[in-house]
Amino acid sequence: WVNIAAGEQAIPEVLEALSPETVAMSSEGGRRQLYGKVDAALAYFLGEDAGEGVEYFDDPRRADFPAVASAVKAVTQRDEGVAVAVCANAAVWAVGAGNKPNARKDAAKAALAATLALQHLELGQ
């Protein structure tokens, strides 16, 4: 878990209306079995929103989402680029961290699927 409200940086505008706390996952790739199931999980939880309803923001230099990058570093103790996945319709977001673009996005998608699963459990769905 990461919490961007605990840091000193401003919360990015795209995340302002969402919870400051979310699931984060760090990866350097190589988790094909997990990542191969993520699209199906997102489709299960989001239906039609699984494709165009999720926005991905890649921030390899940690310049666009410094609050997110700082929150990740506080947990991992590593300077890694981040990818932020946002589904505004479900009011959730998640973070993937890593040094490779595909690994970041895959981790962000897996973290988003985990966040959605938790949301469904909390809502009793």
N, C-alpha and C. Protein backbone atom coordinates (compact mmCIF):
# COMPACT_ATOMS: atom_id res chain seq x y z
N TRP A 1 0.83 -1.19 0.00
CA TRP A 1 0.00 0.00 0.00
C TRP A 1 0.87 1.24 0.00
N VAL A 2 0.41 2.27 -0.70
CA VAL A 2 1.06 3.58 -0.65
C VAL A 2 -0.01 4.62 -0.34
N ASN A 3 0.44 5.71 0.29
CA ASN A 3 -0.47 6.79 0.65
C ASN A 3 0.18 8.10 0.24
N ILE A 4 -0.42 8.77 -0.74
CA ILE A 4 0.18 10.01 -1.24
C ILE A 4 -0.18 11.22 -0.38
N ALA A 5 -1.11 11.08 0.54
CA ALA A 5 -1.47 12.20 1.42
C ALA A 5 -0.41 12.43 2.49
N ALA A 6 0.40 11.42 2.76
CA ALA A 6 1.41 11.52 3.82
C ALA A 6 2.63 12.32 3.39
N GLY A 7 2.81 12.53 2.10
CA GLY A 7 3.99 13.23 1.60
C GLY A 7 3.82 14.73 1.56
N GLU A 8 4.89 15.39 1.14
CA GLU A 8 4.90 16.85 1.08
C GLU A 8 4.53 17.38 -0.31
N GLN A 9 4.57 16.50 -1.33
CA GLN A 9 4.27 16.94 -2.69
C GLN A 9 2.76 17.07 -2.88
N ALA A 10 2.41 17.91 -3.84
CA ALA A 10 1.00 18.10 -4.18
C ALA A 10 0.44 16.83 -4.81
N ILE A 11 -0.81 16.56 -4.53
CA ILE A 11 -1.48 15.41 -5.14
C ILE A 11 -1.80 15.76 -6.59
N PRO A 12 -1.44 14.88 -7.52
CA PRO A 12 -1.72 15.16 -8.93
C PRO A 12 -3.21 15.36 -9.17
N GLU A 13 -3.54 16.26 -10.07
CA GLU A 13 -4.93 16.62 -10.33
C GLU A 13 -5.80 15.41 -10.68
N VAL A 14 -5.27 14.49 -11.46
CA VAL A 14 -6.04 13.32 -11.89
C VAL A 14 -6.41 12.41 -10.71
N LEU A 15 -5.70 12.56 -9.58
CA LEU A 15 -5.94 11.73 -8.41
C LEU A 15 -6.67 12.46 -7.28
N GLU A 16 -6.92 13.74 -7.43
CA GLU A 16 -7.48 14.56 -6.35
C GLU A 16 -8.80 14.04 -5.80
N ALA A 17 -9.67 13.53 -6.66
CA ALA A 17 -11.00 13.10 -6.21
C ALA A 17 -11.01 11.65 -5.72
N LEU A 18 -9.87 10.99 -5.77
CA LEU A 18 -9.78 9.58 -5.40
C LEU A 18 -9.13 9.41 -4.03
N SER A 19 -9.25 8.23 -3.49
CA SER A 19 -8.61 7.93 -2.20
C SER A 19 -7.10 8.17 -2.31
N PRO A 20 -6.48 8.72 -1.28
CA PRO A 20 -5.02 8.93 -1.34
C PRO A 20 -4.23 7.62 -1.16
N GLU A 21 -4.91 6.55 -0.77
CA GLU A 21 -4.24 5.28 -0.50
C GLU A 21 -4.63 4.26 -1.56
N THR A 22 -3.64 3.49 -2.03
CA THR A 22 -3.92 2.46 -3.03
C THR A 22 -2.87 1.36 -3.00
N VAL A 23 -3.11 0.37 -3.82
CA VAL A 23 -2.19 -0.75 -3.96
C VAL A 23 -1.08 -0.37 -4.94
N ALA A 24 0.14 -0.74 -4.60
CA ALA A 24 1.28 -0.53 -5.48
C ALA A 24 2.02 -1.85 -5.64
N MET A 25 2.59 -2.04 -6.83
CA MET A 25 3.33 -3.27 -7.11
C MET A 25 4.60 -2.89 -7.87
N SER A 26 5.72 -3.44 -7.43
CA SER A 26 6.99 -3.21 -8.09
C SER A 26 7.38 -4.46 -8.88
N SER A 27 7.91 -4.26 -10.09
CA SER A 27 8.23 -5.41 -10.92
C SER A 27 9.32 -5.07 -11.92
N GLU A 28 10.06 -6.08 -12.28
CA GLU A 28 11.01 -5.98 -13.39
C GLU A 28 10.62 -6.95 -14.50
N GLY A 29 9.36 -7.37 -14.47
CA GLY A 29 8.85 -8.28 -15.49
C GLY A 29 9.03 -9.72 -15.07
N GLY A 30 8.80 -10.64 -16.00
CA GLY A 30 9.01 -12.05 -15.74
C GLY A 30 7.87 -12.75 -15.03
N ARG A 31 6.76 -12.11 -14.82
CA ARG A 31 5.61 -12.73 -14.15
C ARG A 31 4.50 -12.98 -15.16
N ARG A 32 4.82 -13.70 -16.20
CA ARG A 32 3.89 -13.92 -17.30
C ARG A 32 2.58 -14.57 -16.86
N GLN A 33 2.64 -15.52 -15.95
CA GLN A 33 1.41 -16.18 -15.51
C GLN A 33 0.47 -15.19 -14.84
N LEU A 34 1.02 -14.33 -14.02
CA LEU A 34 0.19 -13.32 -13.35
C LEU A 34 -0.32 -12.30 -14.36
N TYR A 35 0.59 -11.71 -15.13
CA TYR A 35 0.21 -10.65 -16.05
C TYR A 35 -0.69 -11.15 -17.17
N GLY A 36 -0.59 -12.43 -17.50
CA GLY A 36 -1.45 -13.00 -18.53
C GLY A 36 -2.91 -13.07 -18.12
N LYS A 37 -3.19 -13.00 -16.85
CA LYS A 37 -4.56 -13.06 -16.32
C LYS A 37 -5.16 -11.70 -15.98
N VAL A 38 -4.33 -10.67 -16.02
CA VAL A 38 -4.77 -9.35 -15.55
C VAL A 38 -5.87 -8.76 -16.42
N ASP A 39 -5.74 -8.88 -17.73
CA ASP A 39 -6.78 -8.31 -18.60
C ASP A 39 -8.13 -8.95 -18.34
N ALA A 40 -8.15 -10.27 -18.10
CA ALA A 40 -9.40 -10.96 -17.79
C ALA A 40 -9.97 -10.47 -16.45
N ALA A 41 -9.10 -10.25 -15.49
CA ALA A 41 -9.56 -9.74 -14.18
C ALA A 41 -10.14 -8.34 -14.32
N LEU A 42 -9.47 -7.49 -15.08
CA LEU A 42 -10.00 -6.14 -15.29
C LEU A 42 -11.34 -6.18 -16.01
N ALA A 43 -11.47 -7.06 -17.00
CA ALA A 43 -12.74 -7.20 -17.72
C ALA A 43 -13.83 -7.69 -16.78
N TYR A 44 -13.49 -8.59 -15.86
CA TYR A 44 -14.47 -9.09 -14.90
C TYR A 44 -14.99 -7.97 -14.00
N PHE A 45 -14.07 -7.17 -13.48
CA PHE A 45 -14.47 -6.11 -12.54
C PHE A 45 -15.03 -4.87 -13.22
N LEU A 46 -14.54 -4.56 -14.41
CA LEU A 46 -14.92 -3.29 -15.05
C LEU A 46 -15.86 -3.44 -16.24
N GLY A 47 -16.02 -4.62 -16.76
CA GLY A 47 -16.86 -4.80 -17.94
C GLY A 47 -16.36 -3.96 -19.10
N GLU A 48 -17.24 -3.15 -19.66
CA GLU A 48 -16.88 -2.34 -20.82
C GLU A 48 -15.80 -1.29 -20.53
N ASP A 49 -15.66 -0.91 -19.28
CA ASP A 49 -14.65 0.09 -18.91
C ASP A 49 -13.23 -0.48 -18.87
N ALA A 50 -13.08 -1.79 -19.04
CA ALA A 50 -11.76 -2.41 -18.92
C ALA A 50 -10.79 -1.90 -19.98
N GLY A 51 -11.28 -1.53 -21.13
CA GLY A 51 -10.40 -1.04 -22.19
C GLY A 51 -10.16 0.45 -22.09
N GLU A 52 -11.10 1.20 -22.63
CA GLU A 52 -10.95 2.66 -22.70
C GLU A 52 -11.26 3.35 -21.38
N GLY A 53 -11.83 2.65 -20.41
CA GLY A 53 -12.18 3.26 -19.14
C GLY A 53 -11.02 3.39 -18.16
N VAL A 54 -9.86 2.85 -18.55
CA VAL A 54 -8.68 2.94 -17.69
C VAL A 54 -7.63 3.78 -18.41
N GLU A 55 -7.12 4.78 -17.71
CA GLU A 55 -6.03 5.60 -18.25
C GLU A 55 -4.73 5.19 -17.58
N TYR A 56 -3.66 5.12 -18.39
CA TYR A 56 -2.34 4.78 -17.87
C TYR A 56 -1.41 5.96 -18.10
N PHE A 57 -0.67 6.30 -17.07
CA PHE A 57 0.29 7.40 -17.12
C PHE A 57 1.66 6.84 -16.76
N ASP A 58 2.59 6.88 -17.69
CA ASP A 58 3.94 6.38 -17.42
C ASP A 58 4.82 7.56 -17.01
N ASP A 59 5.51 7.42 -15.91
CA ASP A 59 6.36 8.48 -15.37
C ASP A 59 7.73 7.91 -15.02
N PRO A 60 8.55 7.63 -16.03
CA PRO A 60 9.83 6.97 -15.78
C PRO A 60 10.82 7.82 -14.97
N ARG A 61 10.70 9.13 -15.06
CA ARG A 61 11.64 10.01 -14.34
C ARG A 61 11.06 10.56 -13.03
N ARG A 62 9.85 10.13 -12.71
CA ARG A 62 9.20 10.53 -11.46
C ARG A 62 8.95 12.04 -11.39
N ALA A 63 8.74 12.66 -12.57
CA ALA A 63 8.55 14.11 -12.62
C ALA A 63 7.07 14.51 -12.66
N ASP A 64 6.23 13.68 -13.28
CA ASP A 64 4.82 14.02 -13.42
C ASP A 64 3.99 13.64 -12.18
N PHE A 65 4.43 12.60 -11.47
CA PHE A 65 3.73 12.11 -10.28
C PHE A 65 4.72 11.99 -9.11
N PRO A 66 5.34 13.11 -8.70
CA PRO A 66 6.34 13.03 -7.64
C PRO A 66 5.79 12.54 -6.31
N ALA A 67 4.53 12.86 -6.00
CA ALA A 67 3.94 12.39 -4.74
C ALA A 67 3.80 10.87 -4.76
N VAL A 68 3.44 10.32 -5.91
CA VAL A 68 3.32 8.87 -6.06
C VAL A 68 4.69 8.22 -5.97
N ALA A 69 5.67 8.77 -6.69
CA ALA A 69 7.02 8.21 -6.67
C ALA A 69 7.61 8.25 -5.26
N SER A 70 7.37 9.32 -4.53
CA SER A 70 7.88 9.42 -3.16
C SER A 70 7.22 8.40 -2.24
N ALA A 71 5.92 8.19 -2.42
CA ALA A 71 5.21 7.21 -1.61
C ALA A 71 5.72 5.80 -1.89
N VAL A 72 6.00 5.51 -3.15
CA VAL A 72 6.55 4.19 -3.52
C VAL A 72 7.94 4.03 -2.92
N LYS A 73 8.77 5.07 -3.04
CA LYS A 73 10.13 4.99 -2.50
C LYS A 73 10.12 4.79 -0.99
N ALA A 74 9.15 5.39 -0.30
CA ALA A 74 9.06 5.23 1.15
C ALA A 74 8.84 3.76 1.53
N VAL A 75 8.21 3.00 0.64
CA VAL A 75 7.94 1.59 0.90
C VAL A 75 9.07 0.69 0.40
N THR A 76 9.56 0.97 -0.80
CA THR A 76 10.54 0.07 -1.44
C THR A 76 11.99 0.45 -1.17
N GLN A 77 12.22 1.70 -0.78
CA GLN A 77 13.58 2.23 -0.59
C GLN A 77 14.37 2.27 -1.90
N ARG A 78 13.65 2.31 -3.05
CA ARG A 78 14.31 2.36 -4.36
C ARG A 78 13.72 3.49 -5.19
N ASP A 79 14.59 4.12 -5.99
CA ASP A 79 14.13 5.11 -6.96
C ASP A 79 13.76 4.38 -8.24
N GLU A 80 12.47 4.23 -8.48
CA GLU A 80 12.01 3.55 -9.68
C GLU A 80 11.00 4.44 -10.39
N GLY A 81 10.92 4.29 -11.69
CA GLY A 81 9.86 4.95 -12.42
C GLY A 81 8.53 4.37 -12.00
N VAL A 82 7.46 5.13 -12.22
CA VAL A 82 6.13 4.65 -11.85
C VAL A 82 5.19 4.74 -13.04
N ALA A 83 4.20 3.88 -13.02
CA ALA A 83 3.07 3.95 -13.95
C ALA A 83 1.82 4.01 -13.08
N VAL A 84 0.95 4.93 -13.39
CA VAL A 84 -0.28 5.11 -12.62
C VAL A 84 -1.45 4.69 -13.51
N ALA A 85 -2.29 3.80 -12.98
CA ALA A 85 -3.50 3.37 -13.68
C ALA A 85 -4.69 3.97 -12.96
N VAL A 86 -5.57 4.64 -13.71
CA VAL A 86 -6.72 5.33 -13.12
C VAL A 86 -8.00 4.88 -13.83
N CYS A 87 -8.98 4.46 -13.05
CA CYS A 87 -10.31 4.20 -13.56
C CYS A 87 -11.26 5.13 -12.81
N ALA A 88 -11.54 6.27 -13.42
CA ALA A 88 -12.38 7.28 -12.76
C ALA A 88 -13.80 6.77 -12.53
N ASN A 89 -14.33 5.97 -13.45
CA ASN A 89 -15.71 5.47 -13.30
C ASN A 89 -15.87 4.59 -12.06
N ALA A 90 -14.81 3.87 -11.68
CA ALA A 90 -14.86 3.02 -10.48
C ALA A 90 -14.25 3.73 -9.28
N ALA A 91 -13.74 4.95 -9.50
CA ALA A 91 -13.11 5.76 -8.45
C ALA A 91 -11.93 5.05 -7.79
N VAL A 92 -11.09 4.43 -8.63
CA VAL A 92 -9.90 3.74 -8.12
C VAL A 92 -8.68 4.08 -8.97
N TRP A 93 -7.53 3.89 -8.36
CA TRP A 93 -6.26 4.03 -9.06
C TRP A 93 -5.27 3.08 -8.42
N ALA A 94 -4.15 2.84 -9.10
CA ALA A 94 -3.12 1.95 -8.59
C ALA A 94 -1.79 2.32 -9.23
N VAL A 95 -0.72 1.74 -8.68
CA VAL A 95 0.63 2.10 -9.11
C VAL A 95 1.45 0.87 -9.44
N GLY A 96 2.19 0.97 -10.53
CA GLY A 96 3.21 -0.01 -10.86
C GLY A 96 4.55 0.69 -10.84
N ALA A 97 5.57 0.04 -10.30
CA ALA A 97 6.90 0.65 -10.24
C ALA A 97 7.91 -0.31 -10.87
N GLY A 98 8.93 0.25 -11.47
CA GLY A 98 9.99 -0.56 -12.07
C GLY A 98 10.83 0.28 -13.01
N ASN A 99 11.88 -0.31 -13.50
CA ASN A 99 12.78 0.42 -14.38
C ASN A 99 12.49 0.18 -15.86
N LYS A 100 11.58 -0.74 -16.17
CA LYS A 100 11.23 -1.04 -17.56
C LYS A 100 9.78 -0.61 -17.81
N PRO A 101 9.52 0.06 -18.93
CA PRO A 101 8.16 0.57 -19.19
C PRO A 101 7.09 -0.52 -19.17
N ASN A 102 7.32 -1.63 -19.85
CA ASN A 102 6.30 -2.69 -19.88
C ASN A 102 6.08 -3.28 -18.50
N ALA A 103 7.14 -3.44 -17.73
CA ALA A 103 7.02 -3.99 -16.38
C ALA A 103 6.21 -3.05 -15.49
N ARG A 104 6.44 -1.74 -15.63
CA ARG A 104 5.67 -0.75 -14.86
C ARG A 104 4.19 -0.84 -15.18
N LYS A 105 3.86 -0.86 -16.47
CA LYS A 105 2.45 -0.89 -16.87
C LYS A 105 1.81 -2.20 -16.43
N ASP A 106 2.49 -3.34 -16.63
CA ASP A 106 1.94 -4.62 -16.20
C ASP A 106 1.69 -4.63 -14.69
N ALA A 107 2.64 -4.08 -13.93
CA ALA A 107 2.48 -4.02 -12.48
C ALA A 107 1.33 -3.10 -12.10
N ALA A 108 1.17 -1.99 -12.81
CA ALA A 108 0.05 -1.07 -12.53
C ALA A 108 -1.29 -1.75 -12.81
N LYS A 109 -1.36 -2.51 -13.90
CA LYS A 109 -2.59 -3.22 -14.23
C LYS A 109 -2.91 -4.27 -13.16
N ALA A 110 -1.89 -5.02 -12.71
CA ALA A 110 -2.11 -6.03 -11.67
C ALA A 110 -2.53 -5.37 -10.36
N ALA A 111 -1.90 -4.25 -10.03
CA ALA A 111 -2.27 -3.53 -8.80
C ALA A 111 -3.69 -2.98 -8.91
N LEU A 112 -4.09 -2.53 -10.11
CA LEU A 112 -5.45 -2.04 -10.30
C LEU A 112 -6.46 -3.18 -10.13
N ALA A 113 -6.13 -4.36 -10.67
CA ALA A 113 -7.02 -5.51 -10.51
C ALA A 113 -7.17 -5.87 -9.03
N ALA A 114 -6.07 -5.81 -8.28
CA ALA A 114 -6.13 -6.09 -6.84
C ALA A 114 -6.98 -5.04 -6.12
N THR A 115 -6.82 -3.80 -6.49
CA THR A 115 -7.60 -2.72 -5.90
C THR A 115 -9.09 -2.90 -6.17
N LEU A 116 -9.41 -3.28 -7.39
CA LEU A 116 -10.82 -3.52 -7.75
C LEU A 116 -11.38 -4.72 -6.99
N ALA A 117 -10.58 -5.76 -6.82
CA ALA A 117 -11.03 -6.93 -6.05
C ALA A 117 -11.34 -6.52 -4.61
N LEU A 118 -10.48 -5.72 -4.02
CA LEU A 118 -10.72 -5.25 -2.65
C LEU A 118 -11.97 -4.38 -2.58
N GLN A 119 -12.14 -3.53 -3.58
CA GLN A 119 -13.33 -2.68 -3.62
C GLN A 119 -14.60 -3.53 -3.69
N HIS A 120 -14.58 -4.56 -4.51
CA HIS A 120 -15.76 -5.44 -4.63
C HIS A 120 -16.05 -6.17 -3.32
N LEU A 121 -15.00 -6.59 -2.64
CA LEU A 121 -15.19 -7.23 -1.33
C LEU A 121 -15.79 -6.27 -0.33
N GLU A 122 -15.28 -5.05 -0.31
CA GLU A 122 -15.79 -4.05 0.63
C GLU A 122 -17.25 -3.70 0.36
N LEU A 123 -17.63 -3.71 -0.92
CA LEU A 123 -19.00 -3.36 -1.30
C LEU A 123 -19.92 -4.58 -1.26
N GLY A 124 -19.36 -5.75 -0.97
CA GLY A 124 -20.17 -6.96 -0.88
C GLY A 124 -20.68 -7.46 -2.22
N GLN A 125 -19.92 -7.22 -3.26
CA GLN A 125 -20.34 -7.66 -4.61
C GLN A 125 -19.75 -9.00 -4.95
